PDB file of N, CA and C in Angstrom:
ATOM      1  N   UNK A   1     -43.582  24.257 -13.812  1.00  0.00           N
ATOM      2  CA  UNK A   1     -43.339  23.233 -14.824  1.00  0.00           C
ATOM      3  C   UNK A   1     -44.520  22.264 -14.818  1.00  0.00           C
ATOM      4  N   UNK A   2     -45.131  22.033 -15.972  1.00  0.00           N
ATOM      5  CA  UNK A   2     -46.265  21.116 -16.027  1.00  0.00           C
ATOM      6  C   UNK A   2     -45.782  19.661 -16.005  1.00  0.00           C
ATOM      7  N   UNK A   3     -46.737  18.737 -15.913  1.00  0.00           N
ATOM      8  CA  UNK A   3     -46.420  17.307 -15.784  1.00  0.00           C
ATOM      9  C   UNK A   3     -45.589  16.797 -16.961  1.00  0.00           C
ATOM     10  N   UNK A   4     -45.950  17.165 -18.190  1.00  0.00           N
ATOM     11  CA  UNK A   4     -45.219  16.675 -19.364  1.00  0.00           C
ATOM     12  C   UNK A   4     -43.810  17.229 -19.405  1.00  0.00           C
ATOM     13  N   UNK A   5     -43.621  18.479 -19.054  1.00  0.00           N
ATOM     14  CA  UNK A   5     -42.290  19.072 -19.041  1.00  0.00           C
ATOM     15  C   UNK A   5     -41.442  18.439 -17.953  1.00  0.00           C
ATOM     16  N   UNK A   6     -42.029  18.203 -16.790  1.00  0.00           N
ATOM     17  CA  UNK A   6     -41.290  17.564 -15.695  1.00  0.00           C
ATOM     18  C   UNK A   6     -40.864  16.163 -16.097  1.00  0.00           C
ATOM     19  N   UNK A   7     -41.754  15.414 -16.760  1.00  0.00           N
ATOM     20  CA  UNK A   7     -41.430  14.062 -17.202  1.00  0.00           C
ATOM     21  C   UNK A   7     -40.282  14.092 -18.210  1.00  0.00           C
ATOM     22  N   UNK A   8     -40.320  15.001 -19.165  1.00  0.00           N
ATOM     23  CA  UNK A   8     -39.273  15.108 -20.180  1.00  0.00           C
ATOM     24  C   UNK A   8     -37.942  15.488 -19.545  1.00  0.00           C
ATOM     25  N   UNK A   9     -37.959  16.292 -18.496  1.00  0.00           N
ATOM     26  CA  UNK A   9     -36.729  16.706 -17.837  1.00  0.00           C
ATOM     27  C   UNK A   9     -36.055  15.535 -17.130  1.00  0.00           C
ATOM     28  N   UNK A  10     -36.830  14.537 -16.708  1.00  0.00           N
ATOM     29  CA  UNK A  10     -36.278  13.374 -16.024  1.00  0.00           C
ATOM     30  C   UNK A  10     -35.790  12.301 -16.990  1.00  0.00           C
ATOM     31  N   UNK A  11     -36.101  12.440 -18.267  1.00  0.00           N
ATOM     32  CA  UNK A  11     -35.725  11.444 -19.274  1.00  0.00           C
ATOM     33  C   UNK A  11     -34.272  11.664 -19.682  1.00  0.00           C
ATOM     34  N   UNK A  12     -33.465  10.600 -19.608  1.00  0.00           N
ATOM     35  CA  UNK A  12     -32.068  10.711 -20.025  1.00  0.00           C
ATOM     36  C   UNK A  12     -31.832  10.039 -21.376  1.00  0.00           C
ATOM     37  N   UNK A  13     -32.755   9.172 -21.799  1.00  0.00           N
ATOM     38  CA  UNK A  13     -32.636   8.513 -23.094  1.00  0.00           C
ATOM     39  C   UNK A  13     -34.025   8.166 -23.603  1.00  0.00           C
ATOM     40  N   UNK A  14     -34.281   8.493 -24.859  1.00  0.00           N
ATOM     41  CA  UNK A  14     -35.549   8.162 -25.496  1.00  0.00           C
ATOM     42  C   UNK A  14     -35.253   7.582 -26.874  1.00  0.00           C
ATOM     43  N   UNK A  15     -35.725   6.365 -27.117  1.00  0.00           N
ATOM     44  CA  UNK A  15     -35.518   5.692 -28.394  1.00  0.00           C
ATOM     45  C   UNK A  15     -36.890   5.390 -28.978  1.00  0.00           C
ATOM     46  N   UNK A  16     -37.090   5.741 -30.240  1.00  0.00           N
ATOM     47  CA  UNK A  16     -38.393   5.558 -30.869  1.00  0.00           C
ATOM     48  C   UNK A  16     -38.234   4.931 -32.247  1.00  0.00           C
ATOM     49  N   UNK A  17     -38.805   3.750 -32.412  1.00  0.00           N
ATOM     50  CA  UNK A  17     -38.810   3.039 -33.696  1.00  0.00           C
ATOM     51  C   UNK A  17     -37.411   2.857 -34.288  1.00  0.00           C
ATOM     52  N   UNK A  18     -36.463   2.501 -33.461  1.00  0.00           N
ATOM     53  CA  UNK A  18     -35.090   2.280 -33.915  1.00  0.00           C
ATOM     54  C   UNK A  18     -35.015   1.042 -34.797  1.00  0.00           C
ATOM     55  N   UNK A  19     -34.340   1.179 -35.904  1.00  0.00           N
ATOM     56  CA  UNK A  19     -34.133   0.053 -36.805  1.00  0.00           C
ATOM     57  C   UNK A  19     -32.697   0.027 -37.298  1.00  0.00           C
ATOM     58  N   UNK A  20     -32.117  -1.157 -37.379  1.00  0.00           N
ATOM     59  CA  UNK A  20     -30.765  -1.333 -37.900  1.00  0.00           C
ATOM     60  C   UNK A  20     -30.786  -2.490 -38.884  1.00  0.00           C
ATOM     61  N   UNK A  21     -30.244  -2.241 -40.057  1.00  0.00           N
ATOM     62  CA  UNK A  21     -30.112  -3.272 -41.087  1.00  0.00           C
ATOM     63  C   UNK A  21     -28.635  -3.365 -41.447  1.00  0.00           C
ATOM     64  N   UNK A  22     -28.085  -4.580 -41.383  1.00  0.00           N
ATOM     65  CA  UNK A  22     -26.688  -4.812 -41.741  1.00  0.00           C
ATOM     66  C   UNK A  22     -26.647  -5.869 -42.834  1.00  0.00           C
ATOM     67  N   UNK A  23     -26.069  -5.498 -43.962  1.00  0.00           N
ATOM     68  CA  UNK A  23     -25.940  -6.410 -45.105  1.00  0.00           C
ATOM     69  C   UNK A  23     -27.267  -7.100 -45.429  1.00  0.00           C
ATOM     70  N   UNK A  24     -28.318  -6.320 -45.596  1.00  0.00           N
ATOM     71  CA  UNK A  24     -29.658  -6.805 -45.948  1.00  0.00           C
ATOM     72  C   UNK A  24     -30.313  -7.678 -44.880  1.00  0.00           C
ATOM     73  N   UNK A  25     -29.757  -7.700 -43.670  1.00  0.00           N
ATOM     74  CA  UNK A  25     -30.344  -8.452 -42.563  1.00  0.00           C
ATOM     75  C   UNK A  25     -30.881  -7.469 -41.529  1.00  0.00           C
ATOM     76  N   UNK A  26     -32.168  -7.602 -41.179  1.00  0.00           N
ATOM     77  CA  UNK A  26     -32.755  -6.739 -40.152  1.00  0.00           C
ATOM     78  C   UNK A  26     -32.235  -7.207 -38.797  1.00  0.00           C
ATOM     79  N   UNK A  27     -31.474  -6.334 -38.143  1.00  0.00           N
ATOM     80  CA  UNK A  27     -30.893  -6.668 -36.839  1.00  0.00           C
ATOM     81  C   UNK A  27     -31.799  -6.167 -35.721  1.00  0.00           C
ATOM     82  N   UNK A  28     -32.309  -4.944 -35.856  1.00  0.00           N
ATOM     83  CA  UNK A  28     -33.245  -4.365 -34.896  1.00  0.00           C
ATOM     84  C   UNK A  28     -34.392  -3.748 -35.679  1.00  0.00           C
ATOM     85  N   UNK A  29     -35.606  -3.918 -35.179  1.00  0.00           N
ATOM     86  CA  UNK A  29     -36.768  -3.406 -35.899  1.00  0.00           C
ATOM     87  C   UNK A  29     -37.779  -2.830 -34.915  1.00  0.00           C
ATOM     88  N   UNK A  30     -38.134  -1.556 -35.113  1.00  0.00           N
ATOM     89  CA  UNK A  30     -39.169  -0.868 -34.329  1.00  0.00           C
ATOM     90  C   UNK A  30     -38.951  -0.961 -32.815  1.00  0.00           C
ATOM     91  N   UNK A  31     -37.727  -0.749 -32.375  1.00  0.00           N
ATOM     92  CA  UNK A  31     -37.402  -0.796 -30.951  1.00  0.00           C
ATOM     93  C   UNK A  31     -37.639   0.580 -30.336  1.00  0.00           C
ATOM     94  N   UNK A  32     -38.428   0.628 -29.268  1.00  0.00           N
ATOM     95  CA  UNK A  32     -38.723   1.885 -28.582  1.00  0.00           C
ATOM     96  C   UNK A  32     -38.629   1.667 -27.078  1.00  0.00           C
ATOM     97  N   UNK A  33     -38.004   2.626 -26.399  1.00  0.00           N
ATOM     98  CA  UNK A  33     -37.948   2.598 -24.937  1.00  0.00           C
ATOM     99  C   UNK A  33     -37.479   3.948 -24.434  1.00  0.00           C
ATOM    100  N   UNK A  34     -37.698   4.195 -23.151  1.00  0.00           N
ATOM    101  CA  UNK A  34     -37.233   5.404 -22.483  1.00  0.00           C
ATOM    102  C   UNK A  34     -36.549   5.015 -21.191  1.00  0.00           C
ATOM    103  N   UNK A  35     -35.547   5.792 -20.831  1.00  0.00           N
ATOM    104  CA  UNK A  35     -34.859   5.609 -19.557  1.00  0.00           C
ATOM    105  C   UNK A  35     -34.925   6.944 -18.830  1.00  0.00           C
ATOM    106  N   UNK A  36     -35.390   6.905 -17.602  1.00  0.00           N
ATOM    107  CA  UNK A  36     -35.502   8.124 -16.806  1.00  0.00           C
ATOM    108  C   UNK A  36     -34.415   8.160 -15.744  1.00  0.00           C
ATOM    109  N   UNK A  37     -34.119   9.374 -15.317  1.00  0.00           N
ATOM    110  CA  UNK A  37     -33.095   9.597 -14.287  1.00  0.00           C
ATOM    111  C   UNK A  37     -33.362   8.674 -13.092  1.00  0.00           C
ATOM    112  N   UNK A  38     -32.336   7.971 -12.632  1.00  0.00           N
ATOM    113  CA  UNK A  38     -32.456   7.079 -11.489  1.00  0.00           C
ATOM    114  C   UNK A  38     -32.782   5.643 -11.850  1.00  0.00           C
ATOM    115  N   UNK A  39     -33.201   5.389 -13.088  1.00  0.00           N
ATOM    116  CA  UNK A  39     -33.497   4.020 -13.516  1.00  0.00           C
ATOM    117  C   UNK A  39     -32.212   3.310 -13.926  1.00  0.00           C
ATOM    118  N   UNK A  40     -32.241   2.008 -13.833  1.00  0.00           N
ATOM    119  CA  UNK A  40     -31.129   1.173 -14.288  1.00  0.00           C
ATOM    120  C   UNK A  40     -31.640   0.330 -15.438  1.00  0.00           C
ATOM    121  N   UNK A  41     -30.912   0.347 -16.548  1.00  0.00           N
ATOM    122  CA  UNK A  41     -31.287  -0.406 -17.738  1.00  0.00           C
ATOM    123  C   UNK A  41     -30.311  -1.549 -17.930  1.00  0.00           C
ATOM    124  N   UNK A  42     -30.838  -2.739 -18.128  1.00  0.00           N
ATOM    125  CA  UNK A  42     -30.022  -3.912 -18.423  1.00  0.00           C
ATOM    126  C   UNK A  42     -30.425  -4.424 -19.793  1.00  0.00           C
ATOM    127  N   UNK A  43     -29.434  -4.733 -20.610  1.00  0.00           N
ATOM    128  CA  UNK A  43     -29.695  -5.281 -21.937  1.00  0.00           C
ATOM    129  C   UNK A  43     -29.228  -6.731 -21.921  1.00  0.00           C
ATOM    130  N   UNK A  44     -30.188  -7.645 -22.010  1.00  0.00           N
ATOM    131  CA  UNK A  44     -29.894  -9.072 -21.955  1.00  0.00           C
ATOM    132  C   UNK A  44     -30.328  -9.746 -23.251  1.00  0.00           C
ATOM    133  N   UNK A  45     -29.626 -10.792 -23.621  1.00  0.00           N
ATOM    134  CA  UNK A  45     -30.027 -11.564 -24.786  1.00  0.00           C
ATOM    135  C   UNK A  45     -28.920 -12.524 -25.174  1.00  0.00           C
ATOM    136  N   UNK A  46     -29.271 -13.519 -25.959  1.00  0.00           N
ATOM    137  CA  UNK A  46     -28.270 -14.498 -26.384  1.00  0.00           C
ATOM    138  C   UNK A  46     -27.306 -13.880 -27.402  1.00  0.00           C
ATOM    139  N   UNK A  47     -26.219 -14.587 -27.660  1.00  0.00           N
ATOM    140  CA  UNK A  47     -25.276 -14.152 -28.694  1.00  0.00           C
ATOM    141  C   UNK A  47     -26.027 -13.934 -29.996  1.00  0.00           C
ATOM    142  N   UNK A  48     -25.718 -12.837 -30.678  1.00  0.00           N
ATOM    143  CA  UNK A  48     -26.334 -12.560 -31.964  1.00  0.00           C
ATOM    144  C   UNK A  48     -27.704 -11.895 -31.892  1.00  0.00           C
ATOM    145  N   UNK A  49     -28.140 -11.505 -30.695  1.00  0.00           N
ATOM    146  CA  UNK A  49     -29.471 -10.903 -30.544  1.00  0.00           C
ATOM    147  C   UNK A  49     -29.511  -9.430 -30.940  1.00  0.00           C
ATOM    148  N   UNK A  50     -28.337  -8.773 -31.039  1.00  0.00           N
ATOM    149  CA  UNK A  50     -28.292  -7.373 -31.448  1.00  0.00           C
ATOM    150  C   UNK A  50     -27.923  -6.399 -30.349  1.00  0.00           C
ATOM    151  N   UNK A  51     -27.434  -6.891 -29.217  1.00  0.00           N
ATOM    152  CA  UNK A  51     -27.077  -6.007 -28.102  1.00  0.00           C
ATOM    153  C   UNK A  51     -25.986  -5.007 -28.499  1.00  0.00           C
ATOM    154  N   UNK A  52     -24.919  -5.498 -29.093  1.00  0.00           N
ATOM    155  CA  UNK A  52     -23.817  -4.628 -29.494  1.00  0.00           C
ATOM    156  C   UNK A  52     -24.260  -3.671 -30.586  1.00  0.00           C
ATOM    157  N   UNK A  53     -25.066  -4.127 -31.533  1.00  0.00           N
ATOM    158  CA  UNK A  53     -25.550  -3.252 -32.593  1.00  0.00           C
ATOM    159  C   UNK A  53     -26.446  -2.156 -32.022  1.00  0.00           C
ATOM    160  N   UNK A  54     -27.230  -2.470 -31.001  1.00  0.00           N
ATOM    161  CA  UNK A  54     -28.052  -1.459 -30.334  1.00  0.00           C
ATOM    162  C   UNK A  54     -27.160  -0.362 -29.772  1.00  0.00           C
ATOM    163  N   UNK A  55     -26.140  -0.742 -29.027  1.00  0.00           N
ATOM    164  CA  UNK A  55     -25.254   0.258 -28.427  1.00  0.00           C
ATOM    165  C   UNK A  55     -24.511   1.053 -29.489  1.00  0.00           C
ATOM    166  N   UNK A  56     -24.066   0.406 -30.537  1.00  0.00           N
ATOM    167  CA  UNK A  56     -23.375   1.114 -31.618  1.00  0.00           C
ATOM    168  C   UNK A  56     -24.309   2.093 -32.316  1.00  0.00           C
ATOM    169  N   UNK A  57     -25.558   1.713 -32.508  1.00  0.00           N
ATOM    170  CA  UNK A  57     -26.535   2.626 -33.131  1.00  0.00           C
ATOM    171  C   UNK A  57     -26.799   3.822 -32.221  1.00  0.00           C
ATOM    172  N   UNK A  58     -26.941   3.583 -30.909  1.00  0.00           N
ATOM    173  CA  UNK A  58     -27.186   4.676 -29.972  1.00  0.00           C
ATOM    174  C   UNK A  58     -26.020   5.655 -29.946  1.00  0.00           C
ATOM    175  N   UNK A  59     -24.812   5.154 -30.160  1.00  0.00           N
ATOM    176  CA  UNK A  59     -23.627   6.010 -30.184  1.00  0.00           C
ATOM    177  C   UNK A  59     -23.400   6.665 -31.536  1.00  0.00           C
ATOM    178  N   UNK A  60     -24.221   6.313 -32.529  1.00  0.00           N
ATOM    179  CA  UNK A  60     -24.075   6.887 -33.857  1.00  0.00           C
ATOM    180  C   UNK A  60     -23.006   6.227 -34.700  1.00  0.00           C
ATOM    181  N   UNK A  61     -22.569   5.042 -34.311  1.00  0.00           N
ATOM    182  CA  UNK A  61     -21.520   4.331 -35.028  1.00  0.00           C
ATOM    183  C   UNK A  61     -22.059   3.427 -36.133  1.00  0.00           C
ATOM    184  N   UNK A  62     -23.366   3.198 -36.145  1.00  0.00           N
ATOM    185  CA  UNK A  62     -24.013   2.392 -37.188  1.00  0.00           C
ATOM    186  C   UNK A  62     -25.131   3.199 -37.814  1.00  0.00           C
ATOM    187  N   UNK A  63     -25.317   3.073 -39.127  1.00  0.00           N
ATOM    188  CA  UNK A  63     -26.487   3.722 -39.725  1.00  0.00           C
ATOM    189  C   UNK A  63     -27.768   3.082 -39.184  1.00  0.00           C
ATOM    190  N   UNK A  64     -28.770   3.916 -38.938  1.00  0.00           N
ATOM    191  CA  UNK A  64     -30.020   3.416 -38.356  1.00  0.00           C
ATOM    192  C   UNK A  64     -31.179   4.322 -38.764  1.00  0.00           C
ATOM    193  N   UNK A  65     -32.361   3.813 -38.533  1.00  0.00           N
ATOM    194  CA  UNK A  65     -33.575   4.613 -38.698  1.00  0.00           C
ATOM    195  C   UNK A  65     -34.183   4.813 -37.331  1.00  0.00           C
ATOM    196  N   UNK A  66     -35.078   5.778 -37.226  1.00  0.00           N
ATOM    197  CA  UNK A  66     -35.737   6.038 -35.953  1.00  0.00           C
ATOM    198  C   UNK A  66     -35.093   7.158 -35.200  1.00  0.00           C
TER     199      UNK A  66
END
């Protein structure tokens, strides 16, 4: 297995240019990140920052781009 294949095998989540618009309001724009096996991801932010919308988009519960 080459380096790129090994890296992809360790990736459990990959998000690229995620965007969410709700009622003509941009909630998330061009969000990209990767999570690899063994990493811990924390999502922090004030009320209304888009944390719940991010999770709903990742679960396919909200229309999104990216």
